[in-house]
Amino acid sequence: MPADDLTPAELTLLGLLVEKPRHGYELDEVITARGMREWTEIGFSSIYYLLSRLRDRGLISDVEAPRAVRGKGRRVYGPTDEGRRACARAAEAAVAEPRPVFPPLLVGLANQPVIPPDRLRAALDRRAAALAERTAAVRAARDAQPEAPGFVRAIFDYSLGQLAAEQQWLAGYRAAEGDDRPPTEPRTRKADGHGPL
């Protein structure tokens, strides 16, 4: 795999190490504090696996770290010169090139005719509540870091913009569905009481 062909998770970790050398626990703390769990699929258990992949590809290496006073020392990783270059190229491409996303919502909408209208309304209500909760959580994470660098604030602002756009779309869709029928559902049923599926 070429160095530039980084997965989003690899690029995220590599970027955090370009910022400054860190150990696995510190990476997890930064991911949590910056609200990165909202847009990455990096769980704590996958951090060391990803670090191993980056190390095997020559993009990071162990760096000297002060010894822990108590307990065992943690392995600290930092970028290699090639890692810095690969991170810069991959980050630039990620900013410049729109890439498709595959939200499960679209799969659900494509199969909406099989959802009974009352259950569809309830599902849309649950989505609206979840979006409101997520928006509040992202705002709280952003507000908890008033001294965050501009690029970190930009990430929070982008996430909030995406959430606001989805909330606006959802409000319009729910209003359009006010007649309690999805637009794809026939207005009349067959004589047997079943519509086409």
C-alpha atoms as a PDB file:
ATOM      1  CA  MET A   1       0.000   0.000   0.000  1.00  0.00           C
ATOM      2  CA  PRO A   2       1.537   3.376  -0.971  1.00  0.00           C
ATOM      3  CA  ALA A   3       2.258   5.799   1.851  1.00  0.00           C
ATOM      4  CA  ASP A   4      -0.266   8.269   0.415  1.00  0.00           C
ATOM      5  CA  ASP A   5      -3.047   5.668   0.449  1.00  0.00           C
ATOM      6  CA  LEU A   6      -3.935   6.269   4.079  1.00  0.00           C
ATOM      7  CA  THR A   7      -7.294   5.300   5.492  1.00  0.00           C
ATOM      8  CA  PRO A   8      -9.145   8.127   7.272  1.00  0.00           C
ATOM      9  CA  ALA A   9      -8.326   6.484  10.622  1.00  0.00           C
ATOM     10  CA  GLU A  10      -4.616   6.213   9.760  1.00  0.00           C
ATOM     11  CA  LEU A  11      -4.516   9.819   8.561  1.00  0.00           C
ATOM     12  CA  THR A  12      -6.244  10.983  11.747  1.00  0.00           C
ATOM     13  CA  LEU A  13      -3.693   9.269  14.005  1.00  0.00           C
ATOM     14  CA  LEU A  14      -0.744  10.284  11.842  1.00  0.00           C
ATOM     15  CA  GLY A  15      -1.916  13.904  11.941  1.00  0.00           C
ATOM     16  CA  LEU A  16      -2.143  13.832  15.726  1.00  0.00           C
ATOM     17  CA  LEU A  17       1.412  12.490  15.866  1.00  0.00           C
ATOM     18  CA  VAL A  18       2.649  15.168  13.456  1.00  0.00           C
ATOM     19  CA  GLU A  19       1.162  17.699  15.886  1.00  0.00           C
ATOM     20  CA  LYS A  20       3.316  16.196  18.612  1.00  0.00           C
ATOM     21  CA  PRO A  21       4.610  12.772  19.640  1.00  0.00           C
ATOM     22  CA  ARG A  22       2.103  10.889  21.766  1.00  0.00           C
ATOM     23  CA  HIS A  23       1.429   7.505  23.315  1.00  0.00           C
ATOM     24  CA  GLY A  24      -1.723   5.478  22.727  1.00  0.00           C
ATOM     25  CA  TYR A  25      -3.607   6.653  25.812  1.00  0.00           C
ATOM     26  CA  GLU A  26      -2.870  10.278  24.980  1.00  0.00           C
ATOM     27  CA  LEU A  27      -4.139   9.757  21.429  1.00  0.00           C
ATOM     28  CA  ASP A  28      -7.372   8.371  22.845  1.00  0.00           C
ATOM     29  CA  GLU A  29      -7.708  11.356  25.198  1.00  0.00           C
ATOM     30  CA  VAL A  30      -7.243  13.859  22.349  1.00  0.00           C
ATOM     31  CA  ILE A  31      -9.726  11.999  20.127  1.00  0.00           C
ATOM     32  CA  THR A  32     -12.284  12.130  22.928  1.00  0.00           C
ATOM     33  CA  ALA A  33     -11.634  15.757  23.942  1.00  0.00           C
ATOM     34  CA  ARG A  34     -11.867  17.063  20.381  1.00  0.00           C
ATOM     35  CA  GLY A  35     -15.102  15.227  19.646  1.00  0.00           C
ATOM     36  CA  MET A  36     -13.388  13.202  16.945  1.00  0.00           C
ATOM     37  CA  ARG A  37     -15.491  10.154  17.746  1.00  0.00           C
ATOM     38  CA  GLU A  38     -18.307  11.953  15.898  1.00  0.00           C
ATOM     39  CA  TRP A  39     -16.490  11.578  12.586  1.00  0.00           C
ATOM     40  CA  THR A  40     -13.927   8.824  13.019  1.00  0.00           C
ATOM     41  CA  GLU A  41     -14.275   5.128  13.596  1.00  0.00           C
ATOM     42  CA  ILE A  42     -11.298   4.905  15.915  1.00  0.00           C
ATOM     43  CA  GLY A  43     -12.039   2.998  19.073  1.00  0.00           C
ATOM     44  CA  PHE A  44      -9.488   2.680  21.839  1.00  0.00           C
ATOM     45  CA  SER A  45      -8.923  -0.947  20.941  1.00  0.00           C
ATOM     46  CA  SER A  46      -7.981  -0.052  17.357  1.00  0.00           C
ATOM     47  CA  ILE A  47      -5.420   2.655  18.201  1.00  0.00           C
ATOM     48  CA  TYR A  48      -2.531   0.247  18.754  1.00  0.00           C
ATOM     49  CA  TYR A  49      -3.417  -1.754  15.658  1.00  0.00           C
ATOM     50  CA  LEU A  50      -3.359   1.451  13.579  1.00  0.00           C
ATOM     51  CA  LEU A  51      -0.096   2.564  15.186  1.00  0.00           C
ATOM     52  CA  SER A  52       1.433  -0.797  14.286  1.00  0.00           C
ATOM     53  CA  ARG A  53       0.321  -0.401  10.648  1.00  0.00           C
ATOM     54  CA  LEU A  54       1.780   3.112  10.464  1.00  0.00           C
ATOM     55  CA  ARG A  55       5.041   1.898  12.017  1.00  0.00           C
ATOM     56  CA  ASP A  56       5.257  -1.069   9.638  1.00  0.00           C
ATOM     57  CA  ARG A  57       4.880   1.324   6.700  1.00  0.00           C
ATOM     58  CA  GLY A  58       7.705   3.527   7.992  1.00  0.00           C
ATOM     59  CA  LEU A  59       5.457   6.520   8.679  1.00  0.00           C
ATOM     60  CA  ILE A  60       6.003   6.622  12.454  1.00  0.00           C
ATOM     61  CA  SER A  61       8.645   5.384  14.855  1.00  0.00           C
ATOM     62  CA  ASP A  62       9.263   5.198  18.579  1.00  0.00           C
ATOM     63  CA  VAL A  63      10.673   8.408  20.039  1.00  0.00           C
ATOM     64  CA  GLU A  64      12.584   9.004  23.224  1.00  0.00           C
ATOM     65  CA  ALA A  65      10.244   9.912  26.043  1.00  0.00           C
ATOM     66  CA  PRO A  66      10.883  10.765  29.671  1.00  0.00           C
ATOM     67  CA  ARG A  67      10.638   7.718  31.894  1.00  0.00           C
ATOM     68  CA  ALA A  68       7.561   7.455  34.049  1.00  0.00           C
ATOM     69  CA  VAL A  69       8.257   8.167  37.696  1.00  0.00           C
ATOM     70  CA  ARG A  70       5.896   5.422  38.798  1.00  0.00           C
ATOM     71  CA  GLY A  71       4.585   2.538  36.798  1.00  0.00           C
ATOM     72  CA  LYS A  72       5.819   1.422  33.438  1.00  0.00           C
ATOM     73  CA  GLY A  73       6.762   3.845  30.712  1.00  0.00           C
ATOM     74  CA  ARG A  74       4.524   4.116  27.679  1.00  0.00           C
ATOM     75  CA  ARG A  75       5.770   3.835  24.138  1.00  0.00           C
ATOM     76  CA  VAL A  76       5.630   7.255  22.490  1.00  0.00           C
ATOM     77  CA  TYR A  77       5.338   7.544  18.726  1.00  0.00           C
ATOM     78  CA  GLY A  78       6.276  10.359  16.392  1.00  0.00           C
ATOM     79  CA  PRO A  79       6.264  10.783  12.617  1.00  0.00           C
ATOM     80  CA  THR A  80       9.171   9.967  10.365  1.00  0.00           C
ATOM     81  CA  ASP A  81      10.114  12.421   7.630  1.00  0.00           C
ATOM     82  CA  GLU A  82       8.194  10.269   5.152  1.00  0.00           C
ATOM     83  CA  GLY A  83       5.274  10.201   7.602  1.00  0.00           C
ATOM     84  CA  ARG A  84       5.150  14.019   7.651  1.00  0.00           C
ATOM     85  CA  ARG A  85       5.196  14.150   3.855  1.00  0.00           C
ATOM     86  CA  ALA A  86       2.528  11.433   3.513  1.00  0.00           C
ATOM     87  CA  CYS A  87       0.346  13.179   6.088  1.00  0.00           C
ATOM     88  CA  ALA A  88       0.615  16.506   4.253  1.00  0.00           C
ATOM     89  CA  ARG A  89      -0.235  14.948   0.867  1.00  0.00           C
ATOM     90  CA  ALA A  90      -3.145  12.895   2.202  1.00  0.00           C
ATOM     91  CA  ALA A  91      -4.557  15.807   4.230  1.00  0.00           C
ATOM     92  CA  GLU A  92      -4.379  18.127   1.219  1.00  0.00           C
ATOM     93  CA  ALA A  93      -6.201  15.569  -0.929  1.00  0.00           C
ATOM     94  CA  ALA A  94      -8.847  15.081   1.772  1.00  0.00           C
ATOM     95  CA  VAL A  95      -9.495  18.844   1.871  1.00  0.00           C
ATOM     96  CA  ALA A  96      -9.464  19.345  -1.909  1.00  0.00           C
ATOM     97  CA  GLU A  97     -11.316  16.297  -3.204  1.00  0.00           C
ATOM     98  CA  PRO A  98     -15.004  15.757  -2.393  1.00  0.00           C
ATOM     99  CA  ARG A  99     -15.539  12.075  -1.745  1.00  0.00           C
ATOM    100  CA  PRO A 100     -18.793  10.181  -1.560  1.00  0.00           C
ATOM    101  CA  VAL A 101     -20.225   9.308   1.801  1.00  0.00           C
ATOM    102  CA  PHE A 102     -22.571   6.417   2.343  1.00  0.00           C
ATOM    103  CA  PRO A 103     -25.015   7.375   5.099  1.00  0.00           C
ATOM    104  CA  PRO A 104     -27.338   4.577   6.209  1.00  0.00           C
ATOM    105  CA  LEU A 105     -30.170   7.138   6.141  1.00  0.00           C
ATOM    106  CA  LEU A 106     -30.204   6.965   2.343  1.00  0.00           C
ATOM    107  CA  VAL A 107     -30.554   3.178   2.438  1.00  0.00           C
ATOM    108  CA  GLY A 108     -33.473   3.594   4.842  1.00  0.00           C
ATOM    109  CA  LEU A 109     -35.133   6.188   2.600  1.00  0.00           C
ATOM    110  CA  ALA A 110     -34.670   3.943  -0.431  1.00  0.00           C
ATOM    111  CA  ASN A 111     -36.634   1.273   1.452  1.00  0.00           C
ATOM    112  CA  GLN A 112     -39.170   3.637   2.985  1.00  0.00           C
ATOM    113  CA  PRO A 113     -42.212   2.110   1.219  1.00  0.00           C
ATOM    114  CA  VAL A 114     -42.017  -0.939   3.507  1.00  0.00           C
ATOM    115  CA  ILE A 115     -42.204   1.183   6.683  1.00  0.00           C
ATOM    116  CA  PRO A 116     -45.732   1.727   8.001  1.00  0.00           C
ATOM    117  CA  PRO A 117     -46.510   5.485   8.144  1.00  0.00           C
ATOM    118  CA  ASP A 118     -46.814   5.636  11.947  1.00  0.00           C
ATOM    119  CA  ARG A 119     -43.481   3.868  12.366  1.00  0.00           C
ATOM    120  CA  LEU A 120     -41.876   6.178   9.803  1.00  0.00           C
ATOM    121  CA  ARG A 121     -43.100   9.206  11.790  1.00  0.00           C
ATOM    122  CA  ALA A 122     -41.709   7.687  14.986  1.00  0.00           C
ATOM    123  CA  ALA A 123     -38.360   6.952  13.290  1.00  0.00           C
ATOM    124  CA  LEU A 124     -38.140  10.533  11.995  1.00  0.00           C
ATOM    125  CA  ASP A 125     -38.978  11.810  15.489  1.00  0.00           C
ATOM    126  CA  ARG A 126     -36.201   9.667  16.981  1.00  0.00           C
ATOM    127  CA  ARG A 127     -33.756  10.964  14.367  1.00  0.00           C
ATOM    128  CA  ALA A 128     -34.703  14.578  15.164  1.00  0.00           C
ATOM    129  CA  ALA A 129     -34.120  13.959  18.884  1.00  0.00           C
ATOM    130  CA  ALA A 130     -30.788  12.237  18.211  1.00  0.00           C
ATOM    131  CA  LEU A 131     -29.626  15.114  15.999  1.00  0.00           C
ATOM    132  CA  ALA A 132     -30.530  17.622  18.722  1.00  0.00           C
ATOM    133  CA  GLU A 133     -28.581  15.600  21.307  1.00  0.00           C
ATOM    134  CA  ARG A 134     -25.557  15.256  19.021  1.00  0.00           C
ATOM    135  CA  THR A 135     -25.605  18.990  18.254  1.00  0.00           C
ATOM    136  CA  ALA A 136     -25.630  19.786  21.972  1.00  0.00           C
ATOM    137  CA  ALA A 137     -22.755  17.355  22.595  1.00  0.00           C
ATOM    138  CA  VAL A 138     -20.596  18.820  19.802  1.00  0.00           C
ATOM    139  CA  ARG A 139     -21.288  22.370  21.013  1.00  0.00           C
ATOM    140  CA  ALA A 140     -20.357  21.372  24.568  1.00  0.00           C
ATOM    141  CA  ALA A 141     -17.103  19.768  23.383  1.00  0.00           C
ATOM    142  CA  ARG A 142     -16.272  22.868  21.334  1.00  0.00           C
ATOM    143  CA  ASP A 143     -17.115  25.251  24.174  1.00  0.00           C
ATOM    144  CA  ALA A 144     -15.009  23.217  26.620  1.00  0.00           C
ATOM    145  CA  GLN A 145     -11.925  24.120  24.550  1.00  0.00           C
ATOM    146  CA  PRO A 146     -11.993  27.911  24.062  1.00  0.00           C
ATOM    147  CA  GLU A 147      -8.231  27.983  23.447  1.00  0.00           C
ATOM    148  CA  ALA A 148      -8.312  25.284  20.756  1.00  0.00           C
ATOM    149  CA  PRO A 149      -6.339  26.071  17.600  1.00  0.00           C
ATOM    150  CA  GLY A 150      -8.271  27.383  14.601  1.00  0.00           C
ATOM    151  CA  PHE A 151      -8.163  24.081  12.732  1.00  0.00           C
ATOM    152  CA  VAL A 152      -9.756  22.292  15.703  1.00  0.00           C
ATOM    153  CA  ARG A 153     -12.507  24.925  15.894  1.00  0.00           C
ATOM    154  CA  ALA A 154     -13.016  24.518  12.131  1.00  0.00           C
ATOM    155  CA  ILE A 155     -13.671  20.798  12.678  1.00  0.00           C
ATOM    156  CA  PHE A 156     -16.298  21.562  15.312  1.00  0.00           C
ATOM    157  CA  ASP A 157     -17.860  24.245  13.087  1.00  0.00           C
ATOM    158  CA  TYR A 158     -17.999  21.884  10.101  1.00  0.00           C
ATOM    159  CA  SER A 159     -19.645  19.194  12.225  1.00  0.00           C
ATOM    160  CA  LEU A 160     -22.177  21.690  13.554  1.00  0.00           C
ATOM    161  CA  GLY A 161     -22.872  22.914  10.006  1.00  0.00           C
ATOM    162  CA  GLN A 162     -23.494  19.352   8.834  1.00  0.00           C
ATOM    163  CA  LEU A 163     -25.827  18.712  11.745  1.00  0.00           C
ATOM    164  CA  ALA A 164     -27.702  21.970  11.098  1.00  0.00           C
ATOM    165  CA  ALA A 165     -28.089  21.085   7.408  1.00  0.00           C
ATOM    166  CA  GLU A 166     -29.502  17.676   8.286  1.00  0.00           C
ATOM    167  CA  GLN A 167     -31.848  19.190  10.857  1.00  0.00           C
ATOM    168  CA  GLN A 168     -33.097  21.655   8.224  1.00  0.00           C
ATOM    169  CA  TRP A 169     -33.583  18.861   5.681  1.00  0.00           C
ATOM    170  CA  LEU A 170     -35.364  16.715   8.261  1.00  0.00           C
ATOM    171  CA  ALA A 171     -37.726  19.542   9.282  1.00  0.00           C
ATOM    172  CA  GLY A 172     -38.690  20.102   5.628  1.00  0.00           C
ATOM    173  CA  TYR A 173     -39.136  16.395   4.982  1.00  0.00           C
ATOM    174  CA  ARG A 174     -41.286  15.944   8.074  1.00  0.00           C
ATOM    175  CA  ALA A 175     -43.420  18.950   7.060  1.00  0.00           C
ATOM    176  CA  ALA A 176     -43.866  17.544   3.547  1.00  0.00           C
ATOM    177  CA  GLU A 177     -44.946  14.246   5.074  1.00  0.00           C
ATOM    178  CA  GLY A 178     -47.681  15.962   7.091  1.00  0.00           C
ATOM    179  CA  ASP A 179     -50.380  13.949   5.304  1.00  0.00           C
ATOM    180  CA  ASP A 180     -49.027  10.883   7.147  1.00  0.00           C
ATOM    181  CA  ARG A 181     -48.115   9.062   3.932  1.00  0.00           C
ATOM    182  CA  PRO A 182     -44.690   8.676   2.411  1.00  0.00           C
ATOM    183  CA  PRO A 183     -44.710  10.157  -1.113  1.00  0.00           C
ATOM    184  CA  THR A 184     -44.096   6.715  -2.634  1.00  0.00           C
ATOM    185  CA  GLU A 185     -47.090   5.080  -0.939  1.00  0.00           C
ATOM    186  CA  PRO A 186     -50.159   4.742  -3.163  1.00  0.00           C
ATOM    187  CA  ARG A 187     -53.206   6.785  -2.180  1.00  0.00           C
ATOM    188  CA  THR A 188     -55.469   3.727  -2.459  1.00  0.00           C
ATOM    189  CA  ARG A 189     -55.021   0.120  -1.492  1.00  0.00           C
ATOM    190  CA  LYS A 190     -55.838  -2.983  -3.479  1.00  0.00           C
ATOM    191  CA  ALA A 191     -59.100  -4.740  -2.714  1.00  0.00           C
ATOM    192  CA  ASP A 192     -57.274  -7.255  -0.522  1.00  0.00           C
ATOM    193  CA  GLY A 193     -56.058  -4.370   1.708  1.00  0.00           C
ATOM    194  CA  HIS A 194     -52.411  -4.769   0.780  1.00  0.00           C
ATOM    195  CA  GLY A 195     -50.445  -2.268  -1.241  1.00  0.00           C
ATOM    196  CA  PRO A 196     -47.627  -3.255  -3.539  1.00  0.00           C
ATOM    197  CA  LEU A 197     -44.228  -3.946  -1.945  1.00  0.00           C
END
